[in-house]
Protein backbone atom coordinates (compact mmCIF):
# COMPACT_ATOMS: atom_id res chain seq x y z
CA MET A 1 101.24 133.03 40.30
CA ARG A 2 101.31 131.01 37.70
CA GLU A 3 102.44 127.64 37.20
CA PRO A 4 106.11 127.13 35.68
CA THR A 5 106.00 124.73 32.61
CA SER A 6 108.19 121.83 34.51
CA CYS A 7 105.19 121.31 36.97
CA GLN A 8 103.07 120.78 34.16
CA THR A 9 105.67 118.38 32.19
CA GLN A 10 105.86 116.22 35.29
CA ARG A 11 102.51 116.08 36.48
CA ALA A 12 102.35 114.28 31.99
CA VAL A 13 104.60 111.83 33.05
CA ALA A 14 102.64 111.30 36.22
CA GLN A 15 99.53 110.65 34.17
CA LEU A 16 101.40 107.88 32.11
CA VAL A 17 102.27 105.91 34.66
CA ALA A 18 98.65 105.90 35.46
CA ASP A 19 97.79 105.66 32.27
CA GLY A 20 99.70 102.15 31.90
CA MET A 21 98.14 100.49 35.44
CA ARG A 22 94.53 101.60 34.02
CA ALA A 23 95.39 99.66 30.55
CA PHE A 24 96.93 96.39 32.30
CA VAL A 25 94.40 96.72 34.32
CA PHE A 26 91.40 96.51 32.14
CA THR A 27 93.65 93.55 30.32
CA ALA A 28 94.25 91.72 32.75
CA THR A 29 90.34 91.82 34.39
CA GLY A 30 88.84 91.43 31.16
CA ARG A 31 90.81 89.35 28.85
CA PHE A 32 93.19 86.88 31.28
CA GLY A 33 91.15 87.22 34.68
CA MET A 34 94.20 87.93 36.36
CA LEU A 35 94.35 89.55 39.98
CA ARG A 36 92.20 87.63 41.61
CA ARG A 37 93.42 84.70 44.57
CA PRO A 38 93.17 80.44 43.52
CA GLN A 39 89.25 79.52 43.79
CA ASN A 40 89.02 82.35 42.44
CA ARG A 41 88.68 85.00 45.02
CA CYS A 42 89.16 88.57 44.70
CA LEU A 43 92.60 89.88 45.46
CA LEU A 44 90.60 93.73 46.46
CA PRO A 45 87.99 93.46 48.82
CA LYS A 46 85.05 94.47 48.03
CA ARG A 47 84.44 96.78 50.85
CA LEU A 48 87.76 98.84 50.26
CA MET A 49 85.99 99.96 47.26
CA PHE A 50 82.50 101.49 47.40
CA ALA A 51 81.58 98.32 47.72
CA LEU A 52 81.59 97.24 44.40
CA PRO A 53 79.91 93.61 43.07
CA SER A 54 81.90 92.66 40.20
CA CYS A 55 86.05 92.07 41.53
CA ALA A 56 87.18 93.54 37.77
CA ARG A 57 84.29 96.85 38.30
CA ARG A 58 86.78 96.64 41.73
CA TRP A 59 90.25 96.68 40.08
CA ARG A 60 89.29 99.66 37.93
CA ALA A 61 87.74 101.62 40.25
CA PHE A 62 90.69 101.67 42.36
CA VAL A 63 92.98 102.40 39.34
CA GLY A 64 91.17 105.40 38.43
CA THR A 65 91.55 106.28 41.97
CA SER A 66 95.04 105.54 41.51
CA ALA A 67 95.25 107.37 38.23
CA ALA A 68 93.87 110.75 39.56
CA LEU A 69 96.44 110.46 42.51
CA ALA A 70 99.20 110.00 40.33
CA ALA A 71 98.49 113.19 38.09
CA LEU A 72 97.98 115.43 41.31
CA ALA A 73 101.59 113.76 42.66
CA PHE A 74 103.02 117.47 41.61
CA THR A 75 100.60 119.59 42.73
CA GLY A 76 102.93 121.77 45.41
CA CYS A 77 105.21 122.57 42.52
CA GLY A 78 104.19 126.14 42.24
CA ASP A 79 100.97 126.46 42.76
CA ASP A 80 99.80 129.19 44.70
CA ALA A 81 95.95 127.66 45.59
CA VAL A 82 97.00 126.80 49.01
CA ASP A 83 94.62 128.25 51.60
CA THR A 84 94.84 127.35 54.76
CA GLN A 85 91.20 128.17 55.97
CA VAL A 86 92.26 130.04 58.67
CA GLY A 87 88.82 131.73 60.60
CA ASP A 88 85.69 131.53 59.45
CA PRO A 89 84.71 131.37 56.11
CA ASN A 90 83.41 134.67 53.23
CA ILE A 91 80.64 132.78 53.21
CA THR A 92 78.69 129.78 53.87
CA LEU A 93 75.34 128.31 52.46
CA ASN A 94 73.09 125.66 52.82
CA GLU A 95 70.58 124.82 50.15
CA ALA A 96 68.50 122.93 48.94
CA PHE A 97 68.80 121.60 45.27
CA THR A 98 66.11 122.64 42.94
CA ARG A 99 64.91 119.32 41.16
CA ALA A 100 64.95 118.67 37.13
CA ASP A 101 61.85 116.64 35.19
CA PRO A 102 63.09 112.95 35.33
CA ALA A 103 61.52 113.24 31.73
CA SER A 104 63.81 116.35 30.53
CA GLU A 105 66.29 115.22 27.85
CA SER A 106 69.84 116.27 28.84
CA PRO A 107 72.09 117.48 26.18
CA SER A 108 72.52 113.84 25.35
CA GLY A 109 68.87 113.00 24.92
CA HIS A 110 68.79 111.25 27.68
CA THR A 111 65.96 111.52 30.86
CA VAL A 112 65.39 109.35 34.08
CA VAL A 113 62.20 107.98 33.39
CA ALA A 114 63.34 106.41 30.38
CA ASP A 115 67.41 105.91 30.81
CA CYS A 116 67.13 104.79 34.61
CA SER A 117 64.66 102.47 34.74
CA ALA A 118 62.40 99.88 32.86
CA THR A 119 59.34 100.48 34.61
CA GLY A 120 59.35 104.12 33.79
CA GLU A 121 60.58 104.59 37.63
CA THR A 122 61.31 108.47 38.56
CA TRP A 123 62.13 108.34 41.94
CA PRO A 124 60.25 111.01 43.36
CA ALA A 125 61.20 111.44 46.67
CA ALA A 126 64.94 112.59 45.68
CA ALA A 127 66.31 115.04 46.91
CA ALA A 128 69.78 116.95 47.40
CA ALA A 129 71.44 119.50 49.09
CA VAL A 130 74.40 121.77 49.36
CA GLU A 131 76.71 122.99 51.80
CA VAL A 132 79.55 125.54 50.58
CA GLU A 133 82.35 127.09 52.92
CA GLN A 134 84.17 130.13 51.10
CA TYR A 135 87.29 131.45 52.23
CA ASP A 136 89.55 134.03 50.28
CA ALA A 137 91.54 131.57 47.94
CA THR A 138 89.53 128.36 48.40
CA THR A 139 85.59 126.68 48.42
CA THR A 140 84.47 123.89 50.14
CA ILE A 141 81.77 122.38 49.19
CA ARG A 142 79.46 118.94 50.62
CA ILE A 143 76.36 117.56 48.51
CA SER A 144 74.18 115.11 49.30
CA LEU A 145 72.45 113.54 48.00
CA THR A 146 69.16 110.92 49.16
CA GLY A 147 66.22 108.58 47.98
CA ALA A 148 67.72 108.45 44.47
CA ARG A 149 68.70 105.51 42.36
CA PRO A 150 70.39 103.07 43.73
CA ASP A 151 73.62 101.81 43.14
CA THR A 152 74.49 104.61 40.19
CA LEU A 153 77.14 106.62 39.82
CA PHE A 154 76.17 110.53 39.82
CA THR A 155 78.90 113.73 38.60
CA ALA A 156 78.50 117.07 39.13
CA TRP A 157 79.22 119.66 37.19
CA LEU A 158 80.29 123.37 37.83
CA ARG A 159 78.89 126.37 34.89
CA LEU A 160 80.79 128.08 33.07
CA ARG A 161 78.70 129.22 30.05
CA GLY A 162 76.15 132.07 30.51
CA LYS A 163 73.64 134.80 28.69
CA ASP A 164 73.49 138.08 29.78
CA PRO A 165 69.70 138.89 30.73
CA VAL A 166 70.55 142.47 29.22
CA SER A 167 72.71 142.51 26.36
CA GLY A 168 71.75 138.73 25.18
CA GLU A 169 75.53 138.41 24.74
CA THR A 170 76.55 134.32 25.40
CA TYR A 171 79.96 134.36 27.45
CA GLY A 172 82.17 131.74 29.42
CA GLY A 173 82.30 127.70 28.01
CA SER A 174 85.50 125.35 29.18
CA PRO A 175 88.37 125.92 26.83
CA LEU A 176 89.13 122.92 27.24
CA THR A 177 86.62 121.31 26.21
CA ASP A 178 83.84 124.16 24.59
CA ALA A 179 81.61 122.76 26.86
CA GLY A 180 79.45 124.83 28.84
CA SER A 181 80.62 122.80 32.16
CA THR A 182 83.39 121.50 33.25
CA PRO A 183 83.73 119.13 36.79
CA LEU A 184 83.20 119.76 40.45
CA ALA A 185 86.95 119.67 40.64
CA PRO A 186 90.00 121.98 41.90
CA SER A 187 92.46 122.71 39.11
CA THR A 188 94.56 120.65 40.05
CA ASP A 189 92.51 117.50 38.99
CA LEU A 190 92.19 118.65 34.93
CA ALA A 191 95.61 116.45 34.10
CA GLY A 192 93.79 112.98 35.63
CA LEU A 193 90.09 113.89 34.06
CA ALA A 194 91.83 115.00 30.35
CA ALA A 195 93.66 111.46 30.65
CA MET A 196 90.37 110.28 31.36
CA SER A 197 88.48 111.58 28.72
CA GLU A 198 90.64 109.12 25.94
CA THR A 199 89.76 106.61 27.78
CA VAL A 200 86.88 104.40 28.39
CA GLY A 201 86.03 105.95 31.77
CA ALA A 202 86.59 104.82 35.42
CA GLU A 203 83.91 103.42 38.01
CA ALA A 204 85.68 106.89 40.09
CA ALA A 205 86.82 110.38 39.19
CA PRO A 206 87.13 113.77 41.50
CA ASN A 207 83.86 114.97 41.11
CA ALA A 208 81.94 111.69 41.13
CA PHE A 209 79.96 109.51 43.63
CA TRP A 210 78.14 106.17 43.95
CA SER A 211 74.92 105.79 45.76
CA ASP A 212 74.27 103.28 47.68
CA ALA A 213 71.31 100.95 47.79
CA SER A 214 69.29 103.20 49.49
CA GLY A 215 70.40 105.42 46.55
CA ASN A 216 72.18 107.89 48.92
CA GLY A 217 75.36 109.42 48.03
CA GLN A 218 77.89 111.83 49.17
CA LEU A 219 80.22 114.43 47.47
CA GLU A 220 83.20 116.54 49.14
CA VAL A 221 84.89 118.85 46.88
CA THR A 222 87.49 122.09 47.78
CA LEU A 223 87.58 124.32 44.57
CA ASP A 224 91.15 126.17 44.96
CA THR A 225 89.41 129.22 43.93
CA PRO A 226 86.16 131.54 45.52
CA LEU A 227 82.57 129.49 43.98
CA ILE A 228 80.64 132.94 44.38
CA GLY A 229 81.52 135.58 42.25
CA GLY A 230 84.82 133.86 41.41
CA GLU A 231 86.65 132.12 37.89
CA TYR A 232 87.69 128.60 36.99
CA ARG A 233 91.80 128.68 37.01
CA PHE A 234 92.48 126.81 33.64
CA ASP A 235 95.18 128.63 33.50
CA ARG A 236 97.02 126.97 36.63
CA TYR A 237 96.39 123.78 34.23
CA ASP A 238 97.68 125.68 31.23
CA THR A 239 98.96 128.79 31.45
CA ALA A 240 97.63 129.35 27.57
CA LEU A 241 94.63 129.36 29.33
CA ASP A 242 92.92 132.27 30.64
CA ALA A 243 90.75 132.05 34.40
CA VAL A 244 87.27 131.53 33.14
CA ARG A 245 84.34 133.21 35.29
CA ILE A 246 81.69 130.78 38.10
CA THR A 247 78.12 131.77 37.23
CA GLY A 248 74.70 130.83 38.00
CA ALA A 249 70.50 132.08 38.00
CA PRO A 250 70.13 134.85 36.37
CA ASP A 251 73.09 134.38 33.51
CA ALA A 252 72.09 130.18 33.44
CA ALA A 253 69.67 127.57 34.33
CA PHE A 254 72.47 126.34 37.41
CA MET A 255 75.79 127.13 39.14
CA ILE A 256 76.07 123.10 40.31
CA ARG A 257 74.19 120.63 38.76
CA LEU A 258 74.13 116.96 39.24
CA ALA A 259 73.55 114.02 36.34
CA SER A 260 73.39 110.07 36.66
CA HIS A 261 75.01 107.38 34.32
CA CYS A 262 72.83 104.84 34.17
CA THR A 263 73.98 103.69 30.79
CA ASP A 264 76.99 102.86 31.46
CA GLY A 265 77.91 103.59 35.00
CA LEU A 266 81.71 105.92 33.63
CA ALA A 267 82.66 108.86 34.19
CA HIS A 268 84.82 110.17 31.21
CA GLY A 269 87.25 113.10 33.01
CA LEU A 270 86.22 116.65 31.03
CA VAL A 271 83.41 115.48 28.98
CA GLN A 272 79.53 114.67 30.64
CA GLN A 273 78.82 111.87 27.62
CA ASP A 274 75.29 110.62 28.05
CA ARG A 275 74.17 111.10 30.60
CA GLU A 276 70.48 112.15 33.33
CA THR A 277 69.60 115.00 34.37
CA TRP A 278 68.83 115.25 38.36
CA PHE A 279 69.27 118.15 40.25
CA ASN A 280 70.25 122.02 39.68
CA TRP A 281 71.21 124.92 41.99
CA SER A 282 72.01 127.90 42.33
CA PRO A 283 72.45 130.52 45.00
CA GLN A 284 69.11 132.14 47.00
């Protein structure tokens, strides 16, 4: 069952409210110094928002998260993706990511060695792992990162474009951006991610996480579709779109990719913008 148009309209209204919140906070924190107590103390404690050092950055991360939640306010409306996850998963995996060459350029032309460190640091001990629990209609994915660049925003991406190794034919890709990948997030997050793409970016997103002072971080995502052998359900966001097959090796270089955003520290919704490639993974 596809999502009714009325649900899409309700999500759009929720997103307009969220966008208004974001615009106010960007103006208030950046131009007028509002949202602070007397004596210049921030109204949003550091411990509540990813330990971000700046009051403006904490408020912007807070509103970015609130925007995503507002866009999801009506996701139960007509959605057939609910999976009770009763019993054992059909597929369980616990595997390591492969580290990309720190000098290799991402599609935006950025590299870890050139854009994440002024001294050429590459964090050679960095590692990442993924746990997958796949049920009939959903998949929970847990990603852990260790020893990477500290205090850095990372995003995770799901590969949708591949090349048939026999025929050489290229297939797939995001129907929303024509990119080869989409954010690693359920289709119910697409409304918020699409709205974020129209802004300067945010310090929080459904497919994003921050590394701590030791370069460690975690991300947990539950997709509303099987990961292995499944399709990304763009049709649940827009009934005019088709679901797109999720791919990986040998048809593509990865199924899930981890990238950093060292140059601006922002997530950009459906688009990756400037980023540096750190890790790739396909099921073994």
